[in-house]
N, C-alpha and C. Protein backbone atom coordinates (compact mmCIF):
# COMPACT_ATOMS: atom_id res chain seq x y z
N MET A 1 -58.25 -6.98 13.57
CA MET A 1 -59.12 -5.97 14.21
C MET A 1 -60.35 -6.68 14.73
N LYS A 2 -60.81 -6.26 15.92
CA LYS A 2 -62.00 -6.86 16.50
C LYS A 2 -63.25 -6.21 15.95
N SER A 3 -64.29 -6.97 15.92
CA SER A 3 -65.55 -6.45 15.38
C SER A 3 -66.26 -5.66 16.50
N ILE A 4 -67.24 -4.87 16.14
CA ILE A 4 -68.00 -4.08 17.10
C ILE A 4 -68.70 -4.95 18.09
N LEU A 5 -69.23 -6.11 17.63
CA LEU A 5 -69.96 -7.03 18.51
C LEU A 5 -69.02 -7.59 19.59
N GLU A 6 -67.77 -7.91 19.19
CA GLU A 6 -66.81 -8.40 20.17
C GLU A 6 -66.44 -7.33 21.20
N LEU A 7 -66.30 -6.11 20.74
CA LEU A 7 -65.98 -4.97 21.64
C LEU A 7 -67.15 -4.68 22.58
N ASN A 8 -68.36 -4.84 22.11
CA ASN A 8 -69.55 -4.58 22.99
C ASN A 8 -69.66 -5.61 24.07
N GLU A 9 -69.19 -6.83 23.84
CA GLU A 9 -69.32 -7.86 24.88
C GLU A 9 -68.26 -7.70 26.01
N LYS A 10 -67.20 -7.00 25.70
CA LYS A 10 -66.12 -6.79 26.69
C LYS A 10 -66.52 -5.73 27.73
N LYS A 11 -66.07 -5.86 28.91
CA LYS A 11 -66.29 -4.87 29.99
C LYS A 11 -65.14 -3.87 30.06
N VAL A 12 -64.11 -4.08 29.28
CA VAL A 12 -62.93 -3.23 29.29
C VAL A 12 -63.18 -2.11 28.27
N PRO A 13 -62.92 -0.86 28.62
CA PRO A 13 -63.09 0.24 27.67
C PRO A 13 -62.17 0.10 26.44
N ALA A 14 -62.69 0.48 25.27
CA ALA A 14 -61.92 0.38 24.06
C ALA A 14 -60.93 1.54 23.93
N VAL A 15 -61.13 2.58 24.67
CA VAL A 15 -60.25 3.76 24.63
C VAL A 15 -59.70 3.99 26.03
N ARG A 16 -58.45 4.24 26.11
CA ARG A 16 -57.81 4.56 27.38
C ARG A 16 -57.46 6.01 27.40
N ILE A 17 -57.81 6.67 28.49
CA ILE A 17 -57.51 8.07 28.69
C ILE A 17 -56.14 8.19 29.36
N ASP A 18 -55.34 9.05 28.75
CA ASP A 18 -53.97 9.25 29.25
C ASP A 18 -54.01 9.94 30.63
N PRO A 19 -53.39 9.37 31.64
CA PRO A 19 -53.42 9.98 32.95
C PRO A 19 -52.75 11.36 33.00
N ALA A 20 -51.92 11.65 32.06
CA ALA A 20 -51.25 12.96 32.01
C ALA A 20 -52.25 14.09 31.77
N LEU A 21 -53.44 13.75 31.30
CA LEU A 21 -54.49 14.77 31.07
C LEU A 21 -55.13 15.21 32.35
N ASN A 22 -54.87 14.54 33.44
CA ASN A 22 -55.48 14.90 34.71
C ASN A 22 -55.09 16.31 35.15
N LYS A 23 -54.01 16.82 34.67
CA LYS A 23 -53.59 18.15 35.05
C LYS A 23 -54.57 19.22 34.55
N TYR A 24 -55.39 18.91 33.60
CA TYR A 24 -56.39 19.82 33.10
C TYR A 24 -57.76 19.63 33.74
N ASP A 25 -57.79 18.85 34.80
CA ASP A 25 -59.06 18.49 35.45
C ASP A 25 -59.85 19.70 35.96
N LYS A 26 -59.20 20.61 36.61
CA LYS A 26 -59.84 21.78 37.22
C LYS A 26 -59.55 23.08 36.49
N VAL A 27 -59.03 22.98 35.26
CA VAL A 27 -58.64 24.17 34.49
C VAL A 27 -59.73 24.45 33.47
N VAL A 28 -60.13 25.72 33.36
CA VAL A 28 -61.07 26.13 32.31
C VAL A 28 -60.25 26.45 31.07
N LEU A 29 -60.40 25.63 30.04
CA LEU A 29 -59.57 25.81 28.82
C LEU A 29 -60.11 26.87 27.89
N PHE A 30 -61.44 27.06 27.92
CA PHE A 30 -62.10 28.01 27.00
C PHE A 30 -62.99 28.94 27.84
N PRO A 31 -62.47 29.93 28.51
CA PRO A 31 -63.27 30.75 29.39
C PRO A 31 -64.36 31.57 28.63
N GLU A 32 -64.06 31.97 27.40
CA GLU A 32 -65.04 32.71 26.62
C GLU A 32 -66.28 31.84 26.32
N LYS A 33 -66.02 30.62 25.88
CA LYS A 33 -67.14 29.73 25.62
C LYS A 33 -67.92 29.38 26.85
N LEU A 34 -67.24 29.26 27.96
CA LEU A 34 -67.92 28.98 29.24
C LEU A 34 -68.82 30.14 29.63
N ALA A 35 -68.36 31.36 29.43
CA ALA A 35 -69.21 32.51 29.77
C ALA A 35 -70.46 32.56 28.86
N ILE A 36 -70.28 32.26 27.59
CA ILE A 36 -71.42 32.23 26.70
C ILE A 36 -72.41 31.15 27.06
N ALA A 37 -71.91 30.00 27.41
CA ALA A 37 -72.78 28.90 27.81
C ALA A 37 -73.50 29.24 29.13
N ASN A 38 -72.84 29.82 30.05
CA ASN A 38 -73.52 30.21 31.29
C ASN A 38 -74.62 31.23 31.06
N GLU A 39 -74.36 32.17 30.16
CA GLU A 39 -75.45 33.13 29.81
C GLU A 39 -76.64 32.46 29.18
N MET A 40 -76.36 31.52 28.33
CA MET A 40 -77.48 30.79 27.66
C MET A 40 -78.29 30.00 28.70
N LEU A 41 -77.58 29.39 29.68
CA LEU A 41 -78.28 28.62 30.71
C LEU A 41 -79.10 29.49 31.61
N LYS A 42 -78.68 30.72 31.86
CA LYS A 42 -79.43 31.63 32.69
C LYS A 42 -80.74 32.01 32.01
N LYS A 43 -80.73 32.17 30.64
CA LYS A 43 -81.92 32.59 29.87
C LYS A 43 -82.88 31.45 29.64
N THR A 44 -82.46 30.19 29.82
CA THR A 44 -83.30 29.05 29.51
C THR A 44 -83.90 28.51 30.80
N ASN A 45 -85.18 28.11 30.67
CA ASN A 45 -85.84 27.52 31.82
C ASN A 45 -86.02 26.01 31.54
N PHE A 46 -85.09 25.23 32.06
CA PHE A 46 -85.09 23.80 31.81
C PHE A 46 -86.17 23.09 32.60
N ALA A 47 -86.73 23.66 33.62
CA ALA A 47 -87.77 23.00 34.38
C ALA A 47 -88.98 22.76 33.51
N ASP A 48 -89.28 23.66 32.58
CA ASP A 48 -90.41 23.46 31.65
C ASP A 48 -90.04 22.43 30.60
N VAL A 49 -88.79 22.34 30.21
CA VAL A 49 -88.36 21.44 29.16
C VAL A 49 -88.37 19.98 29.64
N ILE A 50 -87.81 19.72 30.79
CA ILE A 50 -87.69 18.34 31.27
C ILE A 50 -88.85 17.94 32.16
N GLY A 51 -89.65 18.89 32.54
CA GLY A 51 -90.82 18.61 33.38
C GLY A 51 -90.55 18.81 34.83
N LYS A 52 -91.63 18.90 35.61
CA LYS A 52 -91.52 19.18 37.02
C LYS A 52 -90.98 17.98 37.77
N LYS A 53 -91.00 16.80 37.16
CA LYS A 53 -90.54 15.56 37.83
C LYS A 53 -89.07 15.62 38.25
N TYR A 54 -88.25 16.30 37.45
CA TYR A 54 -86.82 16.32 37.74
C TYR A 54 -86.38 17.63 38.41
N SER A 55 -87.27 18.62 38.56
CA SER A 55 -86.84 19.87 39.19
C SER A 55 -86.72 19.69 40.69
N ARG A 56 -85.86 20.50 41.29
CA ARG A 56 -85.60 20.37 42.74
C ARG A 56 -86.52 21.23 43.53
């Protein structure tokens, strides 16, 4: 087994993503959780959190 330092020196990823998972690329797997997250984002003002520097 390779050490962490050896893996960090490599430019090749240590984990390969299975190309068969590309079929889920545009599919919402958890619509209920997405709706809850969108509601939370509407109520939050991130411009104050990250500063005016990054706001559009």
